[in-house]
Structure formats: structure tokens, C-alpha cells
N, C-alpha and C. Protein backbone atom coordinates (compact mmCIF):
# COMPACT_ATOMS: atom_id res chain seq x y z
N ASP A 1 11.58 -21.98 23.58
CA ASP A 1 12.30 -21.53 22.40
C ASP A 1 11.34 -21.35 21.23
N ASN A 2 11.51 -20.27 20.51
CA ASN A 2 10.74 -20.04 19.30
C ASN A 2 11.73 -19.96 18.15
N PRO A 3 11.78 -20.97 17.30
CA PRO A 3 12.82 -21.03 16.27
C PRO A 3 12.59 -20.13 15.07
N ASN A 4 11.53 -19.35 15.03
CA ASN A 4 11.31 -18.51 13.86
C ASN A 4 11.80 -17.09 14.09
N ASP A 5 11.56 -16.23 13.12
CA ASP A 5 12.06 -14.85 13.20
C ASP A 5 11.07 -13.89 13.85
N LEU A 6 9.97 -14.41 14.41
CA LEU A 6 8.95 -13.62 15.10
C LEU A 6 8.24 -12.63 14.18
N VAL A 7 8.21 -12.94 12.88
CA VAL A 7 7.53 -12.10 11.90
C VAL A 7 6.47 -12.96 11.22
N ALA A 8 5.22 -12.51 11.28
CA ALA A 8 4.09 -13.33 10.83
C ALA A 8 4.11 -13.66 9.34
N ASP A 9 4.69 -12.81 8.50
CA ASP A 9 4.60 -13.09 7.06
C ASP A 9 5.79 -13.88 6.50
N THR A 10 6.67 -14.38 7.36
CA THR A 10 7.76 -15.23 6.90
C THR A 10 7.22 -16.66 6.76
N PRO A 11 7.28 -17.24 5.55
CA PRO A 11 6.77 -18.60 5.38
C PRO A 11 7.53 -19.61 6.24
N ALA A 12 6.82 -20.65 6.65
CA ALA A 12 7.43 -21.69 7.49
C ALA A 12 8.40 -22.53 6.67
N MET A 13 9.46 -22.98 7.34
CA MET A 13 10.41 -23.90 6.72
C MET A 13 11.05 -24.72 7.81
N LEU A 14 11.36 -25.96 7.51
CA LEU A 14 11.95 -26.86 8.49
C LEU A 14 13.46 -26.71 8.56
N SER A 15 14.08 -26.44 7.40
CA SER A 15 15.54 -26.36 7.35
C SER A 15 15.97 -25.36 6.29
N PRO A 16 17.16 -24.79 6.44
CA PRO A 16 17.65 -23.82 5.45
C PRO A 16 17.99 -24.51 4.12
N THR A 17 17.97 -23.72 3.07
CA THR A 17 18.31 -24.23 1.75
C THR A 17 19.81 -24.08 1.56
N ILE A 18 20.49 -25.20 1.43
CA ILE A 18 21.94 -25.13 1.26
C ILE A 18 22.38 -25.73 -0.08
N ASP A 19 21.41 -26.15 -0.87
CA ASP A 19 21.74 -26.82 -2.13
C ASP A 19 20.89 -26.30 -3.28
N GLY A 20 21.26 -25.17 -3.82
CA GLY A 20 20.58 -24.66 -5.00
C GLY A 20 19.43 -23.71 -4.70
N CYS A 21 18.56 -23.57 -5.69
CA CYS A 21 17.46 -22.60 -5.63
C CYS A 21 16.14 -23.22 -6.05
N ASN A 22 15.77 -24.31 -5.43
CA ASN A 22 14.52 -24.97 -5.76
C ASN A 22 13.36 -24.13 -5.22
N LEU A 23 12.69 -23.39 -6.10
CA LEU A 23 11.61 -22.49 -5.68
C LEU A 23 10.35 -23.25 -5.26
N GLU A 24 10.31 -24.56 -5.49
CA GLU A 24 9.17 -25.36 -5.07
C GLU A 24 9.50 -26.24 -3.87
N LYS A 25 10.59 -25.95 -3.18
CA LYS A 25 10.96 -26.68 -1.97
C LYS A 25 9.88 -26.46 -0.92
N ASP A 26 9.44 -27.53 -0.30
CA ASP A 26 8.35 -27.43 0.68
C ASP A 26 8.62 -28.39 1.84
N THR A 27 9.35 -27.92 2.84
CA THR A 27 9.67 -28.76 3.99
C THR A 27 8.56 -28.77 5.04
N CYS A 28 7.53 -27.95 4.84
CA CYS A 28 6.37 -27.93 5.75
C CYS A 28 5.09 -28.06 4.91
N PRO A 29 4.84 -29.25 4.35
CA PRO A 29 3.70 -29.41 3.45
C PRO A 29 2.34 -29.14 4.09
N GLY A 30 2.26 -29.18 5.39
CA GLY A 30 1.00 -28.90 6.07
C GLY A 30 0.73 -27.41 6.25
N ARG A 31 1.67 -26.57 5.86
CA ARG A 31 1.52 -25.10 5.99
C ARG A 31 1.38 -24.48 4.60
N ASP A 32 0.83 -23.29 4.54
CA ASP A 32 0.67 -22.60 3.26
C ASP A 32 2.01 -22.21 2.66
N GLY A 33 2.11 -22.31 1.35
CA GLY A 33 3.26 -21.82 0.62
C GLY A 33 4.47 -22.72 0.64
N PHE A 34 5.42 -22.35 -0.20
CA PHE A 34 6.69 -23.05 -0.28
C PHE A 34 7.70 -22.42 0.67
N ASP A 35 8.84 -23.05 0.83
CA ASP A 35 9.91 -22.49 1.66
C ASP A 35 10.37 -21.15 1.07
N PRO A 36 10.77 -20.21 1.91
CA PRO A 36 11.19 -18.88 1.42
C PRO A 36 12.62 -18.89 0.88
N VAL A 37 12.83 -19.62 -0.21
CA VAL A 37 14.17 -19.80 -0.76
C VAL A 37 14.81 -18.47 -1.18
N LEU A 38 14.01 -17.52 -1.62
CA LEU A 38 14.55 -16.22 -2.04
C LEU A 38 14.75 -15.25 -0.88
N ASN A 39 14.34 -15.64 0.31
CA ASN A 39 14.42 -14.76 1.47
C ASN A 39 15.83 -14.72 2.05
N PHE A 40 16.25 -13.55 2.49
CA PHE A 40 17.58 -13.41 3.10
C PHE A 40 17.76 -14.26 4.35
N MET A 41 16.65 -14.63 5.00
CA MET A 41 16.74 -15.43 6.21
C MET A 41 17.03 -16.90 5.91
N ASP A 42 17.01 -17.26 4.64
CA ASP A 42 17.38 -18.60 4.22
C ASP A 42 18.87 -18.57 3.86
N TYR A 43 19.44 -19.70 3.54
CA TYR A 43 20.86 -19.75 3.21
C TYR A 43 21.10 -20.07 1.74
N SER A 44 20.09 -19.94 0.91
CA SER A 44 20.25 -20.29 -0.50
C SER A 44 21.15 -19.27 -1.20
N VAL A 45 21.72 -19.69 -2.30
CA VAL A 45 22.59 -18.80 -3.07
C VAL A 45 21.77 -17.79 -3.86
N CYS A 46 20.45 -17.96 -3.91
CA CYS A 46 19.61 -17.05 -4.69
C CYS A 46 18.80 -16.10 -3.81
N ARG A 47 19.14 -15.99 -2.53
CA ARG A 47 18.39 -15.10 -1.64
C ARG A 47 18.55 -13.66 -2.10
N ASN A 48 17.42 -12.94 -2.09
CA ASN A 48 17.49 -11.57 -2.59
C ASN A 48 16.41 -10.64 -2.04
N LYS A 49 15.65 -11.06 -1.02
CA LYS A 49 14.62 -10.15 -0.52
C LYS A 49 14.23 -10.48 0.93
N PHE A 50 13.63 -9.51 1.56
CA PHE A 50 12.99 -9.66 2.86
C PHE A 50 11.49 -9.57 2.64
N THR A 51 10.70 -10.12 3.56
CA THR A 51 9.26 -9.90 3.49
C THR A 51 8.98 -8.49 4.00
N ALA A 52 7.78 -8.01 3.73
CA ALA A 52 7.40 -6.68 4.22
C ALA A 52 7.47 -6.65 5.75
N GLY A 53 7.05 -7.73 6.39
CA GLY A 53 7.10 -7.80 7.85
C GLY A 53 8.52 -7.79 8.39
N GLN A 54 9.44 -8.47 7.72
CA GLN A 54 10.84 -8.47 8.14
C GLN A 54 11.44 -7.07 8.01
N ALA A 55 11.12 -6.38 6.91
CA ALA A 55 11.62 -5.01 6.72
C ALA A 55 11.07 -4.10 7.81
N ALA A 56 9.78 -4.24 8.12
CA ALA A 56 9.18 -3.42 9.18
C ALA A 56 9.85 -3.71 10.52
N ARG A 57 10.16 -4.98 10.79
CA ARG A 57 10.83 -5.33 12.05
C ARG A 57 12.22 -4.71 12.13
N MET A 58 12.95 -4.68 11.01
CA MET A 58 14.27 -4.05 11.01
C MET A 58 14.15 -2.56 11.34
N TYR A 59 13.18 -1.89 10.72
CA TYR A 59 12.99 -0.47 11.01
C TYR A 59 12.62 -0.27 12.48
N GLU A 60 11.75 -1.13 13.01
CA GLU A 60 11.36 -1.02 14.41
C GLU A 60 12.56 -1.21 15.33
N GLN A 61 13.39 -2.19 15.02
CA GLN A 61 14.58 -2.44 15.84
C GLN A 61 15.56 -1.27 15.74
N PHE A 62 15.70 -0.72 14.55
CA PHE A 62 16.56 0.45 14.38
C PHE A 62 16.05 1.60 15.24
N ASP A 63 14.75 1.86 15.16
CA ASP A 63 14.18 2.94 15.95
C ASP A 63 14.36 2.69 17.45
N GLU A 64 14.17 1.45 17.87
CA GLU A 64 14.26 1.12 19.29
C GLU A 64 15.68 1.26 19.84
N TYR A 65 16.65 0.78 19.11
CA TYR A 65 18.01 0.71 19.66
C TYR A 65 18.95 1.79 19.12
N ARG A 66 18.94 2.05 17.85
CA ARG A 66 19.86 3.04 17.29
C ARG A 66 19.49 4.46 17.73
N ARG A 67 18.24 4.78 17.71
CA ARG A 67 17.82 6.15 18.06
C ARG A 67 18.09 6.45 19.53
N LYS A 68 18.19 5.42 20.37
CA LYS A 68 18.54 5.66 21.77
C LYS A 68 20.00 6.09 21.89
N ILE A 69 20.83 5.63 20.96
CA ILE A 69 22.24 6.00 20.97
C ILE A 69 22.43 7.37 20.34
N ASP A 70 21.77 7.61 19.20
CA ASP A 70 21.94 8.84 18.43
C ASP A 70 20.57 9.33 17.98
N PRO A 71 19.79 9.91 18.91
CA PRO A 71 18.42 10.27 18.57
C PRO A 71 18.33 11.37 17.52
N CYS A 72 17.54 11.10 16.52
CA CYS A 72 17.28 12.08 15.47
C CYS A 72 15.90 11.74 14.90
N PRO A 73 14.83 12.10 15.60
CA PRO A 73 13.50 11.64 15.22
C PRO A 73 13.04 12.07 13.84
N GLU A 74 13.62 13.14 13.30
CA GLU A 74 13.19 13.59 11.99
C GLU A 74 13.93 12.90 10.84
N ALA A 75 14.85 12.00 11.14
CA ALA A 75 15.63 11.33 10.12
C ALA A 75 14.82 10.23 9.43
N THR A 76 15.09 10.05 8.17
CA THR A 76 14.55 8.94 7.41
C THR A 76 15.63 7.87 7.33
N VAL A 77 15.28 6.64 7.61
CA VAL A 77 16.26 5.55 7.62
C VAL A 77 16.07 4.70 6.37
N ILE A 78 17.15 4.44 5.67
CA ILE A 78 17.13 3.61 4.47
C ILE A 78 18.02 2.40 4.71
N PHE A 79 17.51 1.22 4.38
CA PHE A 79 18.30 -0.01 4.48
C PHE A 79 18.73 -0.39 3.07
N SER A 80 19.97 -0.77 2.93
CA SER A 80 20.50 -1.24 1.66
C SER A 80 21.15 -2.60 1.91
N VAL A 81 20.72 -3.59 1.17
CA VAL A 81 21.27 -4.94 1.34
C VAL A 81 22.04 -5.30 0.09
N HIS A 82 23.27 -5.75 0.26
CA HIS A 82 24.06 -6.18 -0.89
C HIS A 82 25.09 -7.22 -0.45
N PHE A 83 25.73 -7.81 -1.42
CA PHE A 83 26.74 -8.82 -1.15
C PHE A 83 28.11 -8.25 -1.49
N ASP A 84 29.09 -8.57 -0.68
CA ASP A 84 30.45 -8.10 -0.89
C ASP A 84 31.31 -9.27 -1.32
N ASP A 85 31.63 -9.35 -2.58
CA ASP A 85 32.53 -10.36 -3.16
C ASP A 85 31.94 -11.76 -3.29
N SER A 86 31.03 -12.15 -2.44
CA SER A 86 30.47 -13.50 -2.55
C SER A 86 29.09 -13.54 -1.91
N PRO A 87 28.26 -14.52 -2.29
CA PRO A 87 26.93 -14.61 -1.68
C PRO A 87 26.97 -14.96 -0.20
N ASP A 88 28.12 -15.30 0.33
CA ASP A 88 28.23 -15.63 1.75
C ASP A 88 28.48 -14.41 2.63
N LYS A 89 28.68 -13.24 2.02
CA LYS A 89 28.99 -12.03 2.78
C LYS A 89 27.91 -10.98 2.54
N MET A 90 26.75 -11.17 3.17
CA MET A 90 25.67 -10.22 3.03
C MET A 90 25.93 -9.02 3.94
N LEU A 91 25.78 -7.83 3.38
CA LEU A 91 25.96 -6.60 4.15
C LEU A 91 24.66 -5.83 4.16
N ILE A 92 24.33 -5.28 5.30
CA ILE A 92 23.16 -4.42 5.41
C ILE A 92 23.65 -3.06 5.85
N ASP A 93 23.48 -2.07 5.01
CA ASP A 93 23.88 -0.71 5.32
C ASP A 93 22.68 0.09 5.79
N PHE A 94 22.91 0.95 6.75
CA PHE A 94 21.87 1.83 7.26
C PHE A 94 22.29 3.25 6.94
N ALA A 95 21.40 4.02 6.41
CA ALA A 95 21.70 5.42 6.12
C ALA A 95 20.58 6.28 6.71
N GLU A 96 20.96 7.37 7.34
CA GLU A 96 19.97 8.30 7.90
C GLU A 96 20.02 9.59 7.10
N PHE A 97 18.85 10.09 6.76
CA PHE A 97 18.75 11.35 6.04
C PHE A 97 17.86 12.28 6.86
N SER A 98 18.35 13.44 7.19
CA SER A 98 17.55 14.39 7.99
C SER A 98 16.93 15.44 7.09
């Protein structure tokens, strides 16, 4: 089992943030950086971004699986992340532009 997101630029963390937005939270003091409290892969109420590697992985997965269903190689794919009514309902929209 590999408990991470398989993306090299996601900072290490031992547990999700469920209590506030402590930007200096560090559950892995032996590793570089603080916990990714602002990252969508965390559960904090202040999450608001993906790392560049996570965004690239989403595009790769879209290309791998979505294009097999509806191939359109000349399309540009845009990801839009937003919350619907509460921070617990994260939505990711995909839009294709040809």
C-alpha cells in the first residue's frame, strides 16, 4: 500500500487537518516543509489549491480515460475547482474547448 497521492511535489503529512488552518502544522518533522493545509487533498476548511504535480496528474488522467470515451485530441481541457454551498462539497468541473 502506498498511502500518498503518487505525486512527488505533494508535501508529506501524517494525518488530515480537521481542526482549523494552522499553516505551521508539521506532522512529519523529519521531512521538508509543513503539512499541505491549503491543499485540496487535505481536509482543512482553508483548502484552496493543488500542487503543480497534482494538476498535471489530473490532466494526465483526463487524457488517459476521458479521451478514450470521447476522443478529441485538439481540445483544450480546463479544470475549475469550486465549492457548492459549503466547504465540504468540493466540485471539479471539466470543460473542453476545441
